[in-house]
Protein backbone atom coordinates (compact mmCIF):
# COMPACT_ATOMS: atom_id res chain seq x y z
CA MET A 1 -6.50 -18.34 10.07
CA SER A 2 -9.29 -15.86 10.55
CA SER A 3 -11.84 -15.82 7.73
CA GLN A 4 -13.47 -12.57 8.75
CA ILE A 5 -11.96 -9.16 8.84
CA PRO A 6 -12.47 -7.42 12.22
CA SER A 7 -15.65 -5.36 12.04
CA ASN A 8 -13.91 -2.20 13.21
CA ARG A 9 -11.34 -2.25 10.39
CA SER A 10 -12.29 -0.19 7.36
CA LEU A 11 -10.45 -0.30 4.05
CA GLU A 12 -8.91 3.05 4.91
CA GLU A 13 -7.61 1.68 8.21
CA LEU A 14 -6.19 -1.42 6.53
CA ILE A 15 -4.37 0.72 3.98
CA HIS A 16 -2.96 2.79 6.83
CA LEU A 17 -1.74 -0.42 8.53
CA TYR A 18 -0.10 -1.55 5.29
CA LEU A 19 1.68 1.76 4.71
CA ASN A 20 2.85 1.80 8.32
CA ASN A 21 4.21 -1.72 7.82
CA LEU A 22 6.20 -0.48 4.81
CA GLN A 23 7.68 2.31 6.93
CA VAL A 24 8.69 -0.18 9.61
CA ARG A 25 10.35 -2.28 6.89
CA ASN A 26 12.42 0.79 5.96
CA TYR A 27 10.80 1.62 2.62
CA SER A 28 11.61 5.17 1.53
CA LYS A 29 9.17 7.99 2.26
CA ARG A 30 8.63 8.50 -1.44
CA THR A 31 7.80 4.82 -2.01
CA VAL A 32 5.32 4.79 0.87
CA LYS A 33 3.69 7.95 -0.49
CA ASP A 34 3.46 6.44 -4.00
CA TYR A 35 1.91 3.22 -2.65
CA GLY A 36 -0.67 5.24 -0.72
CA TYR A 37 -1.49 7.19 -3.89
CA ASN A 38 -1.89 3.97 -5.89
CA LEU A 39 -4.18 2.41 -3.30
CA GLY A 40 -6.35 5.50 -3.52
CA PHE A 41 -7.42 4.23 -6.96
CA LEU A 42 -8.51 0.93 -5.39
CA GLU A 43 -10.52 2.81 -2.75
CA ARG A 44 -12.24 4.84 -5.45
CA PHE A 45 -13.05 1.76 -7.53
CA LEU A 46 -14.51 -0.18 -4.59
CA LYS A 47 -16.61 2.82 -3.59
CA GLU A 48 -18.03 3.04 -7.13
CA LYS A 49 -18.76 -0.71 -7.03
CA ASN A 50 -20.45 -0.27 -3.64
CA ILE A 51 -18.10 -2.83 -2.08
CA HIS A 52 -17.63 -2.16 1.63
CA SER A 53 -16.11 -5.38 2.94
CA ILE A 54 -12.67 -6.62 2.02
CA GLN A 55 -14.11 -10.13 2.11
CA GLU A 56 -16.19 -9.39 -0.99
CA ILE A 57 -13.12 -8.88 -3.17
CA THR A 58 -12.37 -11.75 -5.53
CA ALA A 59 -9.80 -12.30 -8.27
CA SER A 60 -12.36 -11.27 -10.88
CA ILE A 61 -12.97 -7.99 -9.02
CA VAL A 62 -9.23 -7.29 -8.94
CA ALA A 63 -9.08 -8.02 -12.69
CA GLU A 64 -12.05 -5.70 -13.18
CA PHE A 65 -10.22 -3.02 -11.22
CA GLN A 66 -7.25 -3.47 -13.55
CA GLN A 67 -9.50 -2.86 -16.57
CA TRP A 68 -11.22 0.07 -14.84
CA PHE A 69 -7.87 1.70 -14.16
CA PHE A 70 -6.78 1.23 -17.79
CA TYR A 71 -9.75 3.25 -19.00
CA LEU A 72 -9.46 5.86 -16.23
CA PRO A 73 -8.16 8.92 -18.13
CA THR A 74 -4.90 10.53 -17.19
CA LYS A 75 -4.75 14.28 -16.61
CA ARG A 76 -4.16 14.65 -20.35
CA GLY A 77 -7.16 12.49 -21.20
CA HIS A 78 -5.23 9.40 -22.35
CA ALA A 79 -5.74 5.75 -21.41
CA ARG A 80 -3.24 4.34 -18.95
CA SER A 81 -0.14 2.62 -20.27
CA ALA A 82 0.70 -0.98 -19.46
CA LYS A 83 3.50 0.31 -17.26
CA ASP A 84 1.07 2.48 -15.27
CA GLN A 85 -1.29 -0.48 -14.88
CA ASN A 86 1.47 -2.73 -13.64
CA THR A 87 2.79 -0.15 -11.20
CA VAL A 88 -0.62 0.11 -9.54
CA LEU A 89 -1.21 -3.64 -9.70
CA THR A 90 2.11 -4.27 -7.94
CA THR A 91 0.92 -2.06 -5.08
CA VAL A 92 -2.46 -3.80 -4.94
CA LYS A 93 -0.80 -7.23 -4.95
CA GLY A 94 1.48 -6.19 -2.10
CA PHE A 95 -1.50 -4.89 -0.13
CA PHE A 96 -3.52 -8.11 -0.41
CA LYS A 97 -0.46 -10.24 0.31
CA PHE A 98 -0.04 -8.24 3.52
CA LEU A 99 -3.72 -8.72 4.47
CA LYS A 100 -3.43 -12.48 4.01
CA HIS A 101 -0.17 -12.65 5.94
CA GLU A 102 -1.72 -10.69 8.82
CA GLU A 103 -4.80 -13.01 8.70
CA PHE A 104 -7.27 -10.33 7.74
CA LEU A 105 -8.03 -12.54 4.72
CA SER A 106 -8.09 -16.31 4.32
CA HIS A 107 -6.98 -16.04 0.69
CA ASP A 108 -5.22 -13.54 -1.59
CA PRO A 109 -7.59 -12.42 -4.38
CA ALA A 110 -4.79 -10.70 -6.32
CA ALA A 111 -2.21 -13.49 -6.24
CA ASN A 112 -3.04 -14.95 -9.68
CA VAL A 113 -4.06 -11.75 -11.47
CA GLU A 114 -1.66 -11.33 -14.39
CA TYR A 115 0.24 -8.19 -15.24
CA ALA A 116 -0.40 -6.35 -18.49
CA ARG A 117 2.13 -7.13 -21.21
CA GLU A 118 4.49 -4.19 -21.56
CA PRO A 119 5.94 -3.43 -24.99
CA ARG A 120 9.72 -3.68 -25.01
CA ARG A 121 10.85 -0.19 -25.83
CA LEU A 122 14.49 0.63 -26.17
CA PRO A 123 15.77 4.18 -25.67
CA LYS A 124 16.40 6.01 -28.91
CA ASN A 125 19.02 8.53 -29.98
CA ILE A 126 21.72 7.48 -27.56
CA LEU A 127 24.54 10.02 -27.33
CA THR A 128 27.79 8.99 -28.93
CA PRO A 129 30.95 9.41 -26.81
CA GLN A 130 31.90 12.32 -29.07
CA GLU A 131 28.53 14.02 -28.52
CA ALA A 132 28.76 13.51 -24.77
CA LYS A 133 32.21 15.12 -24.79
CA ARG A 134 30.96 18.06 -26.89
CA ILE A 135 28.15 18.75 -24.44
CA ILE A 136 30.40 18.54 -21.39
CA GLU A 137 33.06 20.76 -22.94
CA SER A 138 30.50 23.37 -24.01
CA VAL A 139 30.18 24.51 -20.39
CA ASP A 140 31.84 27.79 -19.42
CA ILE A 141 33.55 27.01 -16.10
CA SER A 142 34.80 30.55 -15.46
CA ASN A 143 31.98 31.20 -12.96
CA ALA A 144 30.54 29.25 -10.03
CA ARG A 145 27.28 28.17 -11.66
CA GLY A 146 29.06 27.09 -14.83
CA TYR A 147 31.56 25.06 -12.83
CA ARG A 148 28.68 23.42 -10.94
CA ASP A 149 27.03 22.52 -14.25
CA ARG A 150 30.23 20.97 -15.60
CA VAL A 151 30.69 18.88 -12.45
CA LEU A 152 27.05 17.83 -12.57
CA LEU A 153 27.42 16.56 -16.15
CA GLU A 154 30.71 14.82 -15.35
CA VAL A 155 29.14 12.98 -12.40
CA LEU A 156 25.99 12.10 -14.34
CA TYR A 157 27.98 10.68 -17.23
CA SER A 158 30.40 8.95 -14.89
CA CYS A 159 27.92 6.93 -12.84
CA GLY A 160 24.59 7.04 -14.72
CA ALA A 161 22.59 8.01 -11.64
CA ARG A 162 18.85 8.55 -11.95
CA ARG A 163 17.69 12.16 -11.77
CA THR A 164 16.36 12.00 -8.20
CA GLU A 165 19.37 10.01 -7.04
CA LEU A 166 21.73 12.66 -8.36
CA LEU A 167 19.81 15.52 -6.77
CA ASN A 168 19.75 13.75 -3.38
CA VAL A 169 23.52 13.26 -3.24
CA LYS A 170 25.07 14.97 -0.22
CA VAL A 171 28.63 16.18 0.22
CA GLN A 172 29.38 13.37 2.68
CA ASP A 173 28.34 10.82 0.04
CA VAL A 174 31.41 11.64 -2.06
CA ASN A 175 34.57 9.64 -1.39
CA LEU A 176 37.26 11.41 -3.39
CA GLU A 177 40.10 9.23 -2.12
CA GLU A 178 38.44 6.00 -3.28
CA GLU A 179 36.70 7.70 -6.25
CA LEU A 180 33.30 6.41 -5.16
CA LEU A 181 29.81 7.85 -4.74
CA PHE A 182 27.26 6.62 -2.21
CA ILE A 183 23.72 6.76 -3.61
CA ARG A 184 21.04 6.81 -0.95
CA GLU A 185 17.61 5.30 -1.35
CA GLY A 186 17.67 4.60 -5.07
CA LYS A 187 14.75 2.98 -6.83
CA GLY A 188 13.01 0.62 -4.41
CA GLY A 189 14.71 2.31 -1.46
CA ALA A 190 18.03 0.52 -2.04
CA ASP A 191 21.41 2.14 -1.38
CA ARG A 192 24.42 1.46 -3.58
CA ILE A 193 28.01 2.56 -4.14
CA VAL A 194 29.10 3.50 -7.65
CA PRO A 195 32.50 4.39 -9.12
CA LEU A 196 33.38 7.87 -10.32
CA SER A 197 35.76 8.73 -13.14
CA HIS A 198 39.11 10.29 -12.28
CA ILE A 199 38.20 13.55 -14.04
CA ALA A 200 34.87 13.75 -12.19
CA CYS A 201 36.70 13.39 -8.87
CA LYS A 202 39.28 16.04 -9.74
CA MET A 203 36.54 18.52 -10.60
CA LEU A 204 34.47 17.50 -7.59
CA GLU A 205 37.36 18.29 -5.27
CA THR A 206 37.66 21.82 -6.65
CA TYR A 207 33.88 22.22 -6.61
CA ILE A 208 33.44 21.08 -3.00
CA LYS A 209 36.37 23.05 -1.59
CA GLY A 210 36.22 26.23 -3.61
CA VAL A 211 33.14 26.63 -5.79
CA ARG A 212 30.25 25.19 -3.78
CA PRO A 213 30.77 27.60 -0.84
CA GLN A 214 30.14 30.46 -3.30
CA LEU A 215 26.70 29.00 -4.04
CA LEU A 216 25.65 28.68 -0.40
CA PHE A 217 25.23 32.43 0.16
CA GLY A 218 25.54 31.93 3.92
CA ARG A 219 23.00 29.08 4.01
CA ASN A 220 23.55 25.63 5.46
CA SER A 221 22.92 22.66 3.16
CA ASP A 222 24.31 19.13 2.92
CA PHE A 223 23.23 18.64 -0.68
CA LEU A 224 26.04 18.47 -3.23
CA PHE A 225 24.37 20.32 -6.09
CA LEU A 226 22.89 23.67 -5.15
CA SER A 227 20.60 26.14 -6.89
CA ARG A 228 21.44 29.82 -7.41
CA ARG A 229 19.77 30.45 -4.03
CA GLY A 230 21.90 27.95 -2.15
CA LYS A 231 19.16 25.32 -1.88
CA GLN A 232 18.95 21.78 -3.21
CA LEU A 233 18.80 21.80 -7.01
CA ASP A 234 15.35 20.67 -8.22
CA ARG A 235 14.29 18.32 -11.01
CA GLU A 236 13.13 21.05 -13.39
CA SER A 237 16.38 22.99 -13.02
CA LEU A 238 18.42 19.86 -13.72
CA SER A 239 16.50 19.19 -16.94
CA THR A 240 16.89 22.83 -17.99
CA ILE A 241 20.66 22.73 -17.41
CA ILE A 242 21.06 19.55 -19.45
CA LYS A 243 19.03 20.85 -22.38
CA LYS A 244 20.88 24.17 -22.31
CA TYR A 245 24.27 22.60 -22.94
CA ALA A 246 22.96 20.11 -25.48
CA LYS A 247 21.67 23.10 -27.44
CA LEU A 248 24.98 24.93 -27.06
CA ALA A 249 26.78 21.86 -28.39
CA LYS A 250 24.33 21.77 -31.33
CA ILE A 251 23.12 18.25 -30.49
CA GLN A 252 19.88 17.59 -32.36
CA LYS A 253 18.58 15.03 -29.87
CA ASN A 254 16.17 15.22 -26.96
CA VAL A 255 18.83 15.15 -24.25
CA THR A 256 17.43 14.31 -20.81
CA PRO A 257 18.97 13.06 -17.54
CA HIS A 258 17.80 9.56 -18.43
CA LEU A 259 19.42 9.76 -21.86
CA TRP A 260 22.75 10.36 -20.12
CA ARG A 261 22.10 7.24 -18.03
CA HIS A 262 21.31 5.15 -21.12
CA SER A 263 24.32 6.55 -22.98
CA MET A 264 26.72 5.78 -20.14
CA ALA A 265 25.42 2.20 -19.96
CA CYS A 266 25.86 1.64 -23.70
CA HIS A 267 29.34 3.17 -23.73
CA LEU A 268 30.47 0.88 -20.89
CA LEU A 269 29.13 -2.19 -22.68
CA LYS A 270 30.85 -1.22 -25.91
CA ASN A 271 34.10 -1.03 -23.97
CA ASP A 272 33.59 -4.61 -22.73
CA SER A 273 32.13 -3.91 -19.30
CA LYS A 274 30.59 -6.99 -17.67
CA LEU A 275 26.78 -7.02 -17.59
CA ARG A 276 26.74 -7.84 -13.86
CA HIS A 277 28.99 -4.88 -13.12
CA LEU A 278 26.70 -2.59 -15.11
CA GLN A 279 23.68 -3.97 -13.24
CA SER A 280 25.32 -2.99 -9.95
CA ILE A 281 26.22 0.51 -11.19
CA LEU A 282 22.72 1.21 -12.52
CA GLY A 283 20.98 -0.24 -9.46
CA HIS A 284 18.83 -2.74 -11.38
CA LYS A 285 17.22 -5.45 -9.28
CA SER A 286 16.92 -7.75 -12.27
CA LEU A 287 19.65 -8.56 -14.77
CA ALA A 288 16.92 -8.70 -17.43
CA THR A 289 16.48 -4.94 -17.07
CA THR A 290 20.18 -4.40 -17.75
CA GLU A 291 20.16 -6.78 -20.72
CA LYS A 292 18.15 -4.31 -22.81
CA TYR A 293 21.39 -2.39 -23.31
CA LEU A 294 22.83 -5.41 -25.09
CA HIS A 295 20.07 -5.05 -27.68
CA LEU A 296 21.02 -1.40 -28.14
CA THR A 297 24.64 -2.17 -28.82
CA ILE A 298 23.72 -5.05 -31.14
CA ASN A 299 21.46 -2.74 -33.15
CA GLU A 300 24.29 -0.22 -33.51
CA ILE A 301 26.66 -2.98 -34.60
CA LYS A 302 24.12 -4.05 -37.24
CA ASP A 303 23.85 -0.47 -38.50
CA GLU A 304 27.62 -0.19 -38.77
CA HIS A 305 27.76 -3.54 -40.56
CA ARG A 306 25.20 -2.37 -43.14
CA LYS A 307 27.10 0.87 -43.70
CA HIS A 308 30.56 -0.55 -44.10
CA HIS A 309 30.44 -4.20 -45.20
CA PRO A 310 31.40 -4.43 -48.93
CA ARG A 311 28.68 -6.99 -49.71
CA GLU A 312 25.90 -4.67 -48.46
CA ASN A 313 26.32 -2.55 -51.59
CA ASP A 314 26.01 -5.53 -53.94
CA CYS A 315 22.30 -6.14 -53.34
């Protein structure tokens, strides 16, 4: 192995090589962009430390970078969360692993640097099935935009897609005959196929054949959910739509796209869905990520036990 980095390779060039390698390995454009953004923090740190050679970087310097990033204020002036730290550290670890593999380095200075401990937070205020139904049925489907909104909520509740995944769905990704939805480039760039409810498919068929053409206004678009101008619906509009109908249904919870995802997961588990099946639907790489929903359902069971068990009132 080479112990010296080629003299004509700057840190900027090495980062470019790494990002190009990710593209070749079919990482999504968004992931590559995020990794480049994260490595910009490393560039900034090394410049402040007056470190110009990759060979000077040790494990202690990577650990120092981790601490530096923690205290680097966000746009709102806060310290970085453990999750933010770990997201950037994952990118840095991948970068140095690449440099070692390509023999730009004889050792990996980030290999043994530990991740920050993330607090285990469970989502709060999960929608009940009754609340979910109230929100969905609050939509006026007598016009094209209202029908679109109803279909959007039905699909979101049916498959628990992430916000970006839902917005990137194209018409050709819907299989009405098999009642399936193809989700392209989910988290980590992975594709997956998820089931759709029968009612979601019935409404999707009407939407695709009769309602969606009214929203195109003569434009061409492959995206399933369109804005009032016939373009791909954006993230802000999706959040606005969801909050609008939660308010109409008089739900006193902070209803977001992700809350629908959490709610769907909990409702499936309560109805005896297998954890492995739920993992596949949600697109989790690790089963441990899916297991957090078990804790949610257990907590709800405990609450119900306290409310209704006759011995709870004898204390």
